[in-house]
Amino acid sequence: MNDAHEVGVGPWEGSWPSDPRYDEGLLAGGDRRNVADRYRYWTHEAIVRDLDTSRHEFHVAVENWAHDFNIGSVIRTANAFNAKAFHIVGRRRWNRRGAMVTDRYQHEHHHDSVEALLAWASAHGPDGHGIPVIGIDNLPGSVPLETYDLPRHCVLLFGQEGPGLSEAARQGCEVILDIAQFGSTRSINAGAAAAIAMHAWVRRHVFGQPASP
């Protein structure tokens, strides 16, 4: 029996499965990875292939000008909601510690600038149409996320902690959405904001709950 404090499962008990999705090393030594139970003992490649069959149609993009630790949290949430892919805008290197290796199960794109991201989005939409880039930030003139009908195909763009979206991002987004707040603080953590925005997309397009009037 596994220790109650251990994550995952120990070595496989009984005859090993013949399914090629299973990893012999994990079957022999146990699987302590941060993966859903349905993927226990599967190879990394098999998990990615399976996720690819059901990825959602939204992308997540994060500006990375100051090596923000919160990027890892955003990417981890993108994995939880099975985003199509995540995009790093700016510095190629980012702090992966907060992602808890979930980035390994996703598709990563890098863009040197916001303009490069916008160019990519304009060329990769369904049926030859571009993908709208939607900024998430509390700014003058921004539109409430709670009442905005998020499109099925979109790129959700997040700025870094503190300064938020860059001026180039603000100018390039189709719309900028804000998250309703009722306390004394001006803004919430970037990782938390990303989770709220992604969940709003899931409510709309997975559970069919329209935005509030």
N, C-alpha and C. Protein backbone atom coordinates (compact mmCIF):
# COMPACT_ATOMS: atom_id res chain seq x y z
N MET A 1 0.85 -1.20 0.00
CA MET A 1 0.00 0.00 0.00
C MET A 1 0.88 1.24 0.00
N ASN A 2 0.49 2.26 -0.75
CA ASN A 2 1.27 3.49 -0.84
C ASN A 2 1.18 4.30 0.45
N ASP A 3 2.28 4.98 0.76
CA ASP A 3 2.27 5.91 1.88
C ASP A 3 1.24 6.99 1.58
N ALA A 4 0.47 7.37 2.59
CA ALA A 4 -0.60 8.35 2.39
C ALA A 4 -0.06 9.70 1.93
N HIS A 5 1.23 9.97 2.19
CA HIS A 5 1.81 11.25 1.83
C HIS A 5 2.49 11.22 0.47
N GLU A 6 2.58 10.05 -0.15
CA GLU A 6 3.22 9.94 -1.45
C GLU A 6 2.24 10.25 -2.57
N VAL A 7 2.75 10.90 -3.59
CA VAL A 7 1.94 11.22 -4.76
C VAL A 7 2.03 10.08 -5.75
N GLY A 8 0.93 9.77 -6.40
CA GLY A 8 0.96 8.77 -7.46
C GLY A 8 0.81 7.35 -6.96
N VAL A 9 1.39 6.43 -7.72
CA VAL A 9 1.24 5.00 -7.44
C VAL A 9 2.59 4.31 -7.48
N GLY A 10 2.67 3.18 -6.82
CA GLY A 10 3.89 2.39 -6.80
C GLY A 10 4.00 1.48 -8.00
N PRO A 11 4.93 0.54 -7.98
CA PRO A 11 5.10 -0.38 -9.11
C PRO A 11 3.81 -1.14 -9.42
N TRP A 12 3.62 -1.44 -10.69
CA TRP A 12 2.43 -2.18 -11.14
C TRP A 12 2.40 -3.56 -10.48
N GLU A 13 1.25 -3.95 -9.99
CA GLU A 13 1.10 -5.26 -9.37
C GLU A 13 0.42 -6.21 -10.36
N GLY A 14 0.98 -7.40 -10.51
CA GLY A 14 0.42 -8.39 -11.42
C GLY A 14 1.08 -8.32 -12.79
N SER A 15 0.44 -8.97 -13.74
CA SER A 15 0.98 -9.02 -15.11
C SER A 15 0.95 -7.63 -15.74
N TRP A 16 2.01 -7.29 -16.43
CA TRP A 16 2.08 -5.98 -17.07
C TRP A 16 1.15 -5.92 -18.28
N PRO A 17 0.52 -4.77 -18.51
CA PRO A 17 -0.34 -4.61 -19.69
C PRO A 17 0.50 -4.60 -20.97
N SER A 18 -0.08 -5.07 -22.06
CA SER A 18 0.62 -5.10 -23.34
C SER A 18 0.42 -3.83 -24.14
N ASP A 19 -0.43 -2.94 -23.66
CA ASP A 19 -0.73 -1.68 -24.34
C ASP A 19 0.56 -0.87 -24.51
N PRO A 20 0.91 -0.48 -25.74
CA PRO A 20 2.16 0.27 -25.96
C PRO A 20 2.18 1.65 -25.33
N ARG A 21 1.04 2.14 -24.86
CA ARG A 21 1.03 3.45 -24.21
C ARG A 21 1.73 3.41 -22.85
N TYR A 22 1.90 2.22 -22.28
CA TYR A 22 2.49 2.11 -20.96
C TYR A 22 4.01 2.12 -21.03
N ASP A 23 4.61 2.72 -20.02
CA ASP A 23 6.06 2.86 -19.93
C ASP A 23 6.61 1.78 -18.99
N GLU A 24 7.51 0.97 -19.50
CA GLU A 24 8.02 -0.14 -18.70
C GLU A 24 8.78 0.34 -17.47
N GLY A 25 9.47 1.46 -17.59
CA GLY A 25 10.18 1.98 -16.43
C GLY A 25 9.23 2.41 -15.33
N LEU A 26 8.10 3.01 -15.70
CA LEU A 26 7.11 3.42 -14.71
C LEU A 26 6.38 2.21 -14.12
N LEU A 27 6.11 1.23 -14.95
CA LEU A 27 5.47 0.02 -14.45
C LEU A 27 6.34 -0.65 -13.39
N ALA A 28 7.64 -0.63 -13.62
CA ALA A 28 8.56 -1.28 -12.69
C ALA A 28 8.81 -0.46 -11.43
N GLY A 29 8.93 0.86 -11.59
CA GLY A 29 9.32 1.69 -10.46
C GLY A 29 8.22 2.51 -9.83
N GLY A 30 7.05 2.55 -10.46
CA GLY A 30 5.97 3.39 -9.95
C GLY A 30 5.90 4.71 -10.70
N ASP A 31 4.77 5.37 -10.59
CA ASP A 31 4.55 6.63 -11.30
C ASP A 31 4.20 7.72 -10.30
N ARG A 32 5.16 8.60 -10.02
CA ARG A 32 4.97 9.68 -9.06
C ARG A 32 4.79 11.04 -9.73
N ARG A 33 4.49 11.04 -11.01
CA ARG A 33 4.35 12.30 -11.73
C ARG A 33 3.05 13.02 -11.37
N ASN A 34 3.02 14.31 -11.67
CA ASN A 34 1.83 15.12 -11.46
C ASN A 34 0.91 14.99 -12.67
N VAL A 35 0.29 13.81 -12.81
CA VAL A 35 -0.62 13.57 -13.92
C VAL A 35 -1.94 13.01 -13.38
N ALA A 36 -3.00 13.15 -14.17
CA ALA A 36 -4.30 12.61 -13.79
C ALA A 36 -4.22 11.09 -13.70
N ASP A 37 -5.05 10.51 -12.87
CA ASP A 37 -5.00 9.07 -12.65
C ASP A 37 -5.16 8.26 -13.93
N ARG A 38 -5.93 8.79 -14.88
CA ARG A 38 -6.14 8.02 -16.12
C ARG A 38 -4.86 7.88 -16.92
N TYR A 39 -3.84 8.68 -16.61
CA TYR A 39 -2.59 8.62 -17.34
C TYR A 39 -1.47 7.92 -16.56
N ARG A 40 -1.80 7.31 -15.46
CA ARG A 40 -0.78 6.62 -14.68
C ARG A 40 -0.10 5.54 -15.52
N TYR A 41 1.21 5.54 -15.47
CA TYR A 41 2.08 4.58 -16.14
C TYR A 41 2.21 4.82 -17.65
N TRP A 42 1.48 5.80 -18.20
CA TRP A 42 1.60 6.07 -19.63
C TRP A 42 2.92 6.77 -19.93
N THR A 43 3.43 6.58 -21.14
CA THR A 43 4.60 7.33 -21.55
C THR A 43 4.22 8.80 -21.75
N HIS A 44 5.21 9.66 -21.69
CA HIS A 44 4.97 11.08 -21.91
C HIS A 44 4.37 11.31 -23.30
N GLU A 45 4.92 10.64 -24.31
CA GLU A 45 4.45 10.82 -25.68
C GLU A 45 3.00 10.38 -25.83
N ALA A 46 2.61 9.30 -25.16
CA ALA A 46 1.24 8.81 -25.25
C ALA A 46 0.26 9.79 -24.62
N ILE A 47 0.67 10.41 -23.52
CA ILE A 47 -0.20 11.39 -22.87
C ILE A 47 -0.42 12.59 -23.79
N VAL A 48 0.65 13.10 -24.39
CA VAL A 48 0.53 14.25 -25.28
C VAL A 48 -0.37 13.92 -26.46
N ARG A 49 -0.20 12.73 -27.04
CA ARG A 49 -1.04 12.34 -28.18
C ARG A 49 -2.51 12.28 -27.78
N ASP A 50 -2.79 11.79 -26.58
CA ASP A 50 -4.17 11.70 -26.14
C ASP A 50 -4.75 13.09 -25.88
N LEU A 51 -3.97 13.98 -25.26
CA LEU A 51 -4.43 15.34 -25.02
C LEU A 51 -4.71 16.06 -26.35
N ASP A 52 -3.92 15.75 -27.36
CA ASP A 52 -4.08 16.39 -28.66
C ASP A 52 -5.44 16.07 -29.29
N THR A 53 -6.05 14.99 -28.89
CA THR A 53 -7.35 14.62 -29.47
C THR A 53 -8.50 15.44 -28.89
N SER A 54 -8.24 16.17 -27.81
CA SER A 54 -9.34 16.89 -27.16
C SER A 54 -8.97 18.30 -26.71
N ARG A 55 -7.91 18.86 -27.26
CA ARG A 55 -7.51 20.20 -26.84
C ARG A 55 -8.59 21.22 -27.22
N HIS A 56 -8.74 22.21 -26.36
CA HIS A 56 -9.73 23.24 -26.62
C HIS A 56 -9.17 24.28 -27.59
N GLU A 57 -10.08 25.11 -28.12
CA GLU A 57 -9.71 25.99 -29.22
C GLU A 57 -9.14 27.34 -28.78
N PHE A 58 -8.84 27.52 -27.52
CA PHE A 58 -8.22 28.78 -27.11
C PHE A 58 -6.74 28.59 -26.85
N HIS A 59 -5.97 29.62 -27.16
CA HIS A 59 -4.54 29.66 -26.88
C HIS A 59 -4.30 30.60 -25.72
N VAL A 60 -3.19 30.44 -25.05
CA VAL A 60 -2.79 31.32 -23.96
C VAL A 60 -1.43 31.93 -24.31
N ALA A 61 -1.35 33.24 -24.20
CA ALA A 61 -0.09 33.93 -24.48
C ALA A 61 0.28 34.80 -23.28
N VAL A 62 1.57 34.86 -22.99
CA VAL A 62 2.07 35.62 -21.84
C VAL A 62 3.25 36.47 -22.28
N GLU A 63 3.20 37.75 -21.95
CA GLU A 63 4.36 38.60 -22.20
C GLU A 63 5.44 38.30 -21.16
N ASN A 64 6.67 38.15 -21.63
CA ASN A 64 7.77 37.79 -20.74
C ASN A 64 8.93 38.76 -20.93
N TRP A 65 8.79 39.93 -20.34
CA TRP A 65 9.84 40.94 -20.45
C TRP A 65 10.72 40.97 -19.21
N ALA A 66 10.22 40.50 -18.08
CA ALA A 66 10.97 40.62 -16.82
C ALA A 66 11.12 39.29 -16.11
N HIS A 67 11.03 38.16 -16.84
CA HIS A 67 11.21 36.83 -16.25
C HIS A 67 10.27 36.64 -15.07
N ASP A 68 9.00 36.90 -15.29
CA ASP A 68 7.98 36.85 -14.24
C ASP A 68 7.72 35.42 -13.78
N PHE A 69 7.82 35.19 -12.48
CA PHE A 69 7.59 33.85 -11.93
C PHE A 69 6.16 33.38 -12.18
N ASN A 70 5.22 34.31 -12.29
CA ASN A 70 3.81 33.95 -12.45
C ASN A 70 3.53 33.21 -13.77
N ILE A 71 4.44 33.30 -14.72
CA ILE A 71 4.23 32.61 -15.99
C ILE A 71 4.01 31.12 -15.76
N GLY A 72 4.77 30.53 -14.87
CA GLY A 72 4.63 29.11 -14.60
C GLY A 72 3.23 28.76 -14.13
N SER A 73 2.66 29.61 -13.30
CA SER A 73 1.30 29.39 -12.80
C SER A 73 0.29 29.46 -13.94
N VAL A 74 0.48 30.42 -14.85
CA VAL A 74 -0.42 30.56 -16.00
C VAL A 74 -0.35 29.31 -16.86
N ILE A 75 0.85 28.82 -17.12
CA ILE A 75 1.02 27.65 -17.98
C ILE A 75 0.45 26.40 -17.32
N ARG A 76 0.60 26.29 -16.03
CA ARG A 76 0.02 25.14 -15.32
C ARG A 76 -1.49 25.14 -15.46
N THR A 77 -2.11 26.32 -15.36
CA THR A 77 -3.56 26.40 -15.52
C THR A 77 -3.97 26.11 -16.95
N ALA A 78 -3.16 26.55 -17.92
CA ALA A 78 -3.44 26.26 -19.32
C ALA A 78 -3.47 24.75 -19.56
N ASN A 79 -2.60 24.04 -18.87
CA ASN A 79 -2.62 22.58 -18.97
C ASN A 79 -3.88 22.01 -18.35
N ALA A 80 -4.28 22.54 -17.20
CA ALA A 80 -5.47 22.03 -16.52
C ALA A 80 -6.71 22.17 -17.39
N PHE A 81 -6.79 23.26 -18.17
CA PHE A 81 -7.94 23.48 -19.03
C PHE A 81 -7.69 23.01 -20.46
N ASN A 82 -6.55 22.35 -20.68
CA ASN A 82 -6.19 21.74 -21.97
C ASN A 82 -6.26 22.74 -23.12
N ALA A 83 -5.56 23.86 -22.95
CA ALA A 83 -5.48 24.86 -24.01
C ALA A 83 -4.81 24.28 -25.25
N LYS A 84 -5.12 24.85 -26.39
CA LYS A 84 -4.54 24.38 -27.65
C LYS A 84 -3.02 24.47 -27.60
N ALA A 85 -2.50 25.59 -27.09
CA ALA A 85 -1.06 25.80 -26.98
C ALA A 85 -0.82 27.01 -26.10
N PHE A 86 0.42 27.19 -25.67
CA PHE A 86 0.76 28.43 -24.97
C PHE A 86 1.91 29.12 -25.71
N HIS A 87 1.89 30.45 -25.61
CA HIS A 87 2.83 31.28 -26.34
C HIS A 87 3.59 32.19 -25.38
N ILE A 88 4.88 32.24 -25.54
CA ILE A 88 5.72 33.13 -24.74
C ILE A 88 6.15 34.28 -25.65
N VAL A 89 5.82 35.49 -25.25
CA VAL A 89 6.14 36.68 -26.04
C VAL A 89 7.27 37.43 -25.34
N GLY A 90 8.37 37.66 -26.06
CA GLY A 90 9.50 38.36 -25.46
C GLY A 90 10.66 37.41 -25.23
N ARG A 91 11.16 37.38 -24.04
CA ARG A 91 12.30 36.52 -23.73
C ARG A 91 11.92 35.05 -23.89
N ARG A 92 12.78 34.31 -24.57
CA ARG A 92 12.50 32.90 -24.80
C ARG A 92 12.56 32.11 -23.49
N ARG A 93 13.52 32.43 -22.64
CA ARG A 93 13.64 31.72 -21.37
C ARG A 93 12.63 32.26 -20.37
N TRP A 94 11.98 31.36 -19.66
CA TRP A 94 11.03 31.78 -18.64
C TRP A 94 11.15 30.83 -17.46
N ASN A 95 10.69 31.27 -16.31
CA ASN A 95 10.80 30.50 -15.08
C ASN A 95 9.80 29.35 -15.09
N ARG A 96 10.27 28.15 -15.35
CA ARG A 96 9.40 26.99 -15.48
C ARG A 96 9.05 26.33 -14.15
N ARG A 97 9.63 26.80 -13.10
CA ARG A 97 9.44 26.14 -11.81
C ARG A 97 7.96 26.09 -11.42
N GLY A 98 7.24 27.19 -11.60
CA GLY A 98 5.84 27.22 -11.20
C GLY A 98 4.93 26.37 -12.06
N ALA A 99 5.42 25.94 -13.23
CA ALA A 99 4.60 25.12 -14.12
C ALA A 99 4.51 23.68 -13.66
N MET A 100 5.39 23.28 -12.74
CA MET A 100 5.35 21.91 -12.20
C MET A 100 5.39 20.88 -13.32
N VAL A 101 6.26 21.10 -14.30
CA VAL A 101 6.51 20.27 -15.48
C VAL A 101 5.30 20.07 -16.38
N THR A 102 4.19 20.79 -16.12
CA THR A 102 3.01 20.65 -16.98
C THR A 102 3.28 21.18 -18.39
N ASP A 103 4.29 22.04 -18.54
CA ASP A 103 4.60 22.56 -19.87
C ASP A 103 5.05 21.45 -20.82
N ARG A 104 5.53 20.34 -20.29
CA ARG A 104 5.99 19.23 -21.12
C ARG A 104 4.84 18.55 -21.86
N TYR A 105 3.64 18.77 -21.39
CA TYR A 105 2.48 18.11 -22.00
C TYR A 105 1.70 19.06 -22.92
N GLN A 106 2.28 20.20 -23.21
CA GLN A 106 1.63 21.19 -24.04
C GLN A 106 2.51 21.56 -25.23
N HIS A 107 1.95 22.36 -26.13
CA HIS A 107 2.70 22.83 -27.28
C HIS A 107 3.09 24.28 -27.02
N GLU A 108 4.37 24.56 -27.14
CA GLU A 108 4.90 25.88 -26.81
C GLU A 108 5.35 26.61 -28.07
N HIS A 109 4.99 27.89 -28.16
CA HIS A 109 5.44 28.75 -29.24
C HIS A 109 6.15 29.96 -28.64
N HIS A 110 7.15 30.45 -29.33
CA HIS A 110 7.83 31.65 -28.87
C HIS A 110 7.75 32.73 -29.95
N HIS A 111 7.51 33.97 -29.50
CA HIS A 111 7.45 35.12 -30.40
C HIS A 111 8.33 36.22 -29.82
N ASP A 112 9.17 36.79 -30.63
CA ASP A 112 10.09 37.82 -30.14
C ASP A 112 9.38 39.09 -29.71
N SER A 113 8.20 39.34 -30.26
CA SER A 113 7.49 40.58 -29.98
C SER A 113 5.99 40.36 -30.05
N VAL A 114 5.25 41.35 -29.56
CA VAL A 114 3.79 41.29 -29.68
C VAL A 114 3.39 41.29 -31.15
N GLU A 115 4.10 42.05 -31.97
CA GLU A 115 3.80 42.10 -33.39
C GLU A 115 3.94 40.72 -34.03
N ALA A 116 4.93 39.96 -33.59
CA ALA A 116 5.13 38.61 -34.11
C ALA A 116 3.98 37.69 -33.69
N LEU A 117 3.50 37.85 -32.47
CA LEU A 117 2.35 37.06 -32.02
C LEU A 117 1.12 37.40 -32.86
N LEU A 118 0.89 38.69 -33.08
CA LEU A 118 -0.27 39.11 -33.87
C LEU A 118 -0.20 38.56 -35.28
N ALA A 119 0.99 38.54 -35.86
CA ALA A 119 1.17 38.00 -37.20
C ALA A 119 0.87 36.52 -37.22
N TRP A 120 1.34 35.81 -36.20
CA TRP A 120 1.04 34.37 -36.10
C TRP A 120 -0.46 34.15 -36.00
N ALA A 121 -1.13 34.90 -35.13
CA ALA A 121 -2.56 34.72 -34.92
C ALA A 121 -3.35 35.00 -36.20
N SER A 122 -2.93 35.98 -36.96
CA SER A 122 -3.66 36.33 -38.18
C SER A 122 -3.55 35.25 -39.25
N ALA A 123 -2.53 34.38 -39.12
CA ALA A 123 -2.29 33.36 -40.15
C ALA A 123 -2.71 31.95 -39.72
N HIS A 124 -3.21 31.79 -38.51
CA HIS A 124 -3.46 30.44 -38.01
C HIS A 124 -4.90 30.20 -37.54
N GLY A 125 -5.82 30.99 -37.97
CA GLY A 125 -7.21 30.76 -37.58
C GLY A 125 -7.87 29.68 -38.41
N PRO A 126 -9.07 29.26 -38.03
CA PRO A 126 -9.79 28.24 -38.79
C PRO A 126 -10.27 28.77 -40.13
N ASP A 127 -10.26 27.92 -41.14
CA ASP A 127 -10.78 28.28 -42.47
C ASP A 127 -10.11 29.52 -43.05
N GLY A 128 -8.83 29.70 -42.73
CA GLY A 128 -8.10 30.81 -43.29
C GLY A 128 -8.31 32.14 -42.61
N HIS A 129 -9.14 32.18 -41.60
CA HIS A 129 -9.38 33.42 -40.87
C HIS A 129 -8.43 33.50 -39.67
N GLY A 130 -8.13 34.69 -39.25
CA GLY A 130 -7.23 34.87 -38.12
C GLY A 130 -7.89 34.54 -36.80
N ILE A 131 -7.06 34.38 -35.77
CA ILE A 131 -7.54 34.15 -34.42
C ILE A 131 -7.51 35.47 -33.68
N PRO A 132 -8.62 35.95 -33.12
CA PRO A 132 -8.58 37.22 -32.39
C PRO A 132 -7.73 37.12 -31.13
N VAL A 133 -6.94 38.13 -30.88
CA VAL A 133 -6.12 38.20 -29.67
C VAL A 133 -6.86 39.08 -28.67
N ILE A 134 -7.14 38.52 -27.51
CA ILE A 134 -7.94 39.20 -26.49
C ILE A 134 -7.09 39.42 -25.25
N GLY A 135 -6.89 40.66 -24.89
CA GLY A 135 -6.10 40.99 -23.72
C GLY A 135 -6.92 40.91 -22.45
N ILE A 136 -6.27 40.55 -21.36
CA ILE A 136 -6.90 40.51 -20.05
C ILE A 136 -6.14 41.47 -19.14
N ASP A 137 -6.78 42.58 -18.77
CA ASP A 137 -6.12 43.57 -17.91
C ASP A 137 -7.17 44.58 -17.45
N ASN A 138 -7.01 45.08 -16.26
CA ASN A 138 -7.91 46.12 -15.74
C ASN A 138 -7.39 47.48 -16.19
N LEU A 139 -7.97 47.99 -17.26
CA LEU A 139 -7.51 49.25 -17.84
C LEU A 139 -8.69 50.16 -18.13
N PRO A 140 -8.47 51.46 -18.20
CA PRO A 140 -9.55 52.36 -18.61
C PRO A 140 -10.09 51.96 -19.98
N GLY A 141 -11.39 51.84 -20.09
CA GLY A 141 -12.00 51.47 -21.35
C GLY A 141 -12.11 49.98 -21.60
N SER A 142 -11.60 49.16 -20.67
CA SER A 142 -11.70 47.71 -20.85
C SER A 142 -13.14 47.24 -20.65
N VAL A 143 -13.46 46.08 -21.17
CA VAL A 143 -14.80 45.53 -21.17
C VAL A 143 -14.91 44.42 -20.14
N PRO A 144 -16.00 44.33 -19.40
CA PRO A 144 -16.11 43.27 -18.38
C PRO A 144 -16.06 41.87 -18.98
N LEU A 145 -15.19 41.05 -18.48
CA LEU A 145 -15.12 39.66 -18.89
C LEU A 145 -16.45 38.95 -18.65
N GLU A 146 -17.11 39.32 -17.56
CA GLU A 146 -18.33 38.63 -17.14
C GLU A 146 -19.47 38.79 -18.15
N THR A 147 -19.44 39.82 -18.97
CA THR A 147 -20.53 40.05 -19.92
C THR A 147 -20.09 39.92 -21.37
N TYR A 148 -18.83 39.57 -21.59
CA TYR A 148 -18.31 39.47 -22.95
C TYR A 148 -18.42 38.04 -23.44
N ASP A 149 -18.92 37.85 -24.65
CA ASP A 149 -19.07 36.52 -25.23
C ASP A 149 -17.76 36.10 -25.89
N LEU A 150 -16.93 35.38 -25.15
CA LEU A 150 -15.63 34.97 -25.66
C LEU A 150 -15.81 34.09 -26.90
N PRO A 151 -15.08 34.36 -27.97
CA PRO A 151 -15.18 33.50 -29.16
C PRO A 151 -14.54 32.14 -28.91
N ARG A 152 -15.00 31.15 -29.65
CA ARG A 152 -14.45 29.80 -29.48
C ARG A 152 -12.96 29.77 -29.81
N HIS A 153 -12.60 30.38 -30.91
CA HIS A 153 -11.19 30.44 -31.31
C HIS A 153 -10.63 31.80 -30.89
N CYS A 154 -9.64 31.78 -30.02
CA CYS A 154 -9.06 33.04 -29.56
C CYS A 154 -7.71 32.79 -28.91
N VAL A 155 -6.97 33.87 -28.77
CA VAL A 155 -5.73 33.87 -27.99
C VAL A 155 -5.96 34.79 -26.81
N LEU A 156 -5.85 34.27 -25.61
CA LEU A 156 -5.96 35.07 -24.39
C LEU A 156 -4.57 35.55 -24.02
N LEU A 157 -4.37 36.85 -24.03
CA LEU A 157 -3.04 37.43 -23.81
C LEU A 157 -2.98 38.09 -22.44
N PHE A 158 -1.93 37.73 -21.69
CA PHE A 158 -1.75 38.25 -20.33
C PHE A 158 -0.42 38.98 -20.23
N GLY A 159 -0.43 40.09 -19.49
CA GLY A 159 0.79 40.83 -19.25
C GLY A 159 1.53 40.29 -18.04
N GLN A 160 2.66 40.89 -17.74
CA GLN A 160 3.43 40.45 -16.58
C GLN A 160 2.90 41.09 -15.31
N GLU A 161 3.25 40.49 -14.22
CA GLU A 161 2.79 40.98 -12.92
C GLU A 161 3.27 42.41 -12.69
N GLY A 162 2.38 43.29 -12.27
CA GLY A 162 2.74 44.68 -12.01
C GLY A 162 2.32 45.59 -13.14
N PRO A 163 3.14 45.71 -14.19
CA PRO A 163 2.79 46.66 -15.27
C PRO A 163 1.65 46.18 -16.16
N GLY A 164 1.36 44.89 -16.16
CA GLY A 164 0.28 44.38 -17.01
C GLY A 164 0.67 44.35 -18.47
N LEU A 165 -0.30 44.48 -19.36
CA LEU A 165 -0.03 44.42 -20.79
C LEU A 165 0.81 45.60 -21.24
N SER A 166 1.75 45.34 -22.13
CA SER A 166 2.56 46.41 -22.68
C SER A 166 1.72 47.29 -23.60
N GLU A 167 2.24 48.45 -23.94
CA GLU A 167 1.52 49.34 -24.83
C GLU A 167 1.29 48.69 -26.19
N ALA A 168 2.27 47.97 -26.68
CA ALA A 168 2.12 47.29 -27.97
C ALA A 168 1.00 46.26 -27.92
N ALA A 169 0.90 45.55 -26.79
CA ALA A 169 -0.17 44.57 -26.64
C ALA A 169 -1.53 45.24 -26.57
N ARG A 170 -1.61 46.34 -25.84
CA ARG A 170 -2.88 47.05 -25.71
C ARG A 170 -3.38 47.53 -27.08
N GLN A 171 -2.45 47.98 -27.90
CA GLN A 171 -2.84 48.48 -29.21
C GLN A 171 -3.20 47.35 -30.18
N GLY A 172 -2.60 46.18 -29.97
CA GLY A 172 -2.80 45.09 -30.92
C GLY A 172 -3.98 44.18 -30.62
N CYS A 173 -4.51 44.23 -29.41
CA CYS A 173 -5.62 43.34 -29.05
C CYS A 173 -6.92 43.78 -29.69
N GLU A 174 -7.75 42.81 -30.04
CA GLU A 174 -9.08 43.13 -30.56
C GLU A 174 -9.94 43.78 -29.49
N VAL A 175 -9.79 43.32 -28.27
CA VAL A 175 -10.51 43.87 -27.13
C VAL A 175 -9.70 43.57 -25.88
N ILE A 176 -9.85 44.39 -24.85
CA ILE A 176 -9.22 44.12 -23.56
C ILE A 176 -10.33 43.94 -22.54
N LEU A 177 -10.27 42.83 -21.84
CA LEU A 177 -11.29 42.50 -20.86
C LEU A 177 -10.76 42.65 -19.45
N ASP A 178 -11.62 43.13 -18.56
CA ASP A 178 -11.24 43.22 -17.15
C ASP A 178 -12.06 42.26 -16.32
N ILE A 179 -11.58 41.98 -15.13
CA ILE A 179 -12.25 41.07 -14.20
C ILE A 179 -12.83 41.89 -13.06
N ALA A 180 -14.10 41.70 -12.79
CA ALA A 180 -14.76 42.47 -11.74
C ALA A 180 -14.10 42.23 -10.39
N GLN A 181 -13.83 43.29 -9.66
CA GLN A 181 -13.23 43.22 -8.33
C GLN A 181 -14.03 44.12 -7.38
N PHE A 182 -14.07 43.72 -6.13
CA PHE A 182 -14.93 44.41 -5.18
C PHE A 182 -14.22 44.80 -3.88
N GLY A 183 -12.92 44.60 -3.84
CA GLY A 183 -12.16 44.95 -2.64
C GLY A 183 -11.36 46.21 -2.84
N SER A 184 -10.29 46.37 -2.06
CA SER A 184 -9.51 47.60 -2.08
C SER A 184 -8.34 47.55 -3.06
N THR A 185 -7.92 46.36 -3.47
CA THR A 185 -6.75 46.27 -4.34
C THR A 185 -7.10 46.65 -5.77
N ARG A 186 -6.13 47.21 -6.49
CA ARG A 186 -6.35 47.64 -7.86
C ARG A 186 -6.35 46.47 -8.83
N SER A 187 -5.60 45.42 -8.49
CA SER A 187 -5.48 44.30 -9.41
C SER A 187 -5.29 43.01 -8.63
N ILE A 188 -5.46 41.89 -9.33
CA ILE A 188 -5.23 40.59 -8.72
C ILE A 188 -4.01 39.94 -9.38
N ASN A 189 -3.51 38.90 -8.75
CA ASN A 189 -2.34 38.19 -9.25
C ASN A 189 -2.56 37.73 -10.69
N ALA A 190 -1.51 37.84 -11.51
CA ALA A 190 -1.62 37.49 -12.92
C ALA A 190 -2.02 36.03 -13.12
N GLY A 191 -1.51 35.15 -12.27
CA GLY A 191 -1.89 33.75 -12.38
C GLY A 191 -3.36 33.53 -12.07
N ALA A 192 -3.86 34.25 -11.08
CA ALA A 192 -5.28 34.13 -10.73
C ALA A 192 -6.16 34.69 -11.84
N ALA A 193 -5.75 35.81 -12.41
CA ALA A 193 -6.53 36.41 -13.50
C ALA A 193 -6.60 35.47 -14.70
N ALA A 194 -5.49 34.81 -15.00
CA ALA A 194 -5.47 33.87 -16.12
C ALA A 194 -6.41 32.71 -15.86
N ALA A 195 -6.43 32.20 -14.65
CA ALA A 195 -7.32 31.08 -14.32
C ALA A 195 -8.78 31.48 -14.48
N ILE A 196 -9.12 32.68 -14.03
CA ILE A 196 -10.51 33.15 -14.15
C ILE A 196 -10.90 33.27 -15.62
N ALA A 197 -10.02 33.84 -16.45
CA ALA A 197 -10.33 34.02 -17.86
C ALA A 197 -10.48 32.69 -18.59
N MET A 198 -9.60 31.75 -18.31
CA MET A 198 -9.70 30.44 -18.95
C MET A 198 -10.96 29.71 -18.52
N HIS A 199 -11.32 29.85 -17.26
CA HIS A 199 -12.53 29.19 -16.78
C HIS A 199 -13.76 29.82 -17.42
N ALA A 200 -13.71 31.11 -17.69
CA ALA A 200 -14.83 31.77 -18.37
C ALA A 200 -15.01 31.17 -19.77
N TRP A 201 -13.89 30.90 -20.45
CA TRP A 201 -13.98 30.27 -21.77
C TRP A 201 -14.59 28.86 -21.65
N VAL A 202 -14.15 28.10 -20.65
CA VAL A 202 -14.66 26.74 -20.45
C VAL A 202 -16.15 26.76 -20.15
N ARG A 203 -16.59 27.67 -19.31
CA ARG A 203 -18.02 27.77 -19.00
C ARG A 203 -18.83 28.05 -20.26
N ARG A 204 -18.28 28.90 -21.12
CA ARG A 204 -19.02 29.30 -22.33
C ARG A 204 -19.05 28.18 -23.36
N HIS A 205 -17.90 27.55 -23.62
CA HIS A 205 -17.80 26.65 -24.76
C HIS A 205 -17.78 25.16 -24.43
N VAL A 206 -17.60 24.82 -23.16
CA VAL A 206 -17.69 23.42 -22.76
C VAL A 206 -19.03 23.13 -22.10
N PHE A 207 -19.46 24.05 -21.24
CA PHE A 207 -20.71 23.85 -20.51
C PHE A 207 -21.87 24.65 -21.09
N GLY A 208 -21.61 25.47 -22.11
CA GLY A 208 -22.67 26.18 -22.79
C GLY A 208 -23.35 27.24 -21.97
N GLN A 209 -22.63 27.84 -21.03
CA GLN A 209 -23.21 28.90 -20.20
C GLN A 209 -22.84 30.25 -20.81
N PRO A 210 -23.81 30.99 -21.34
CA PRO A 210 -23.50 32.28 -21.96
C PRO A 210 -23.04 33.30 -20.93
N ALA A 211 -22.38 34.34 -21.41
CA ALA A 211 -21.95 35.42 -20.52
C ALA A 211 -23.17 36.09 -19.89
N SER A 212 -22.97 36.62 -18.70
CA SER A 212 -24.06 37.28 -18.02
C SER A 212 -24.46 38.55 -18.75
N PRO A 213 -25.73 38.89 -18.77
CA PRO A 213 -26.17 40.11 -19.47
C PRO A 213 -25.67 41.36 -18.74
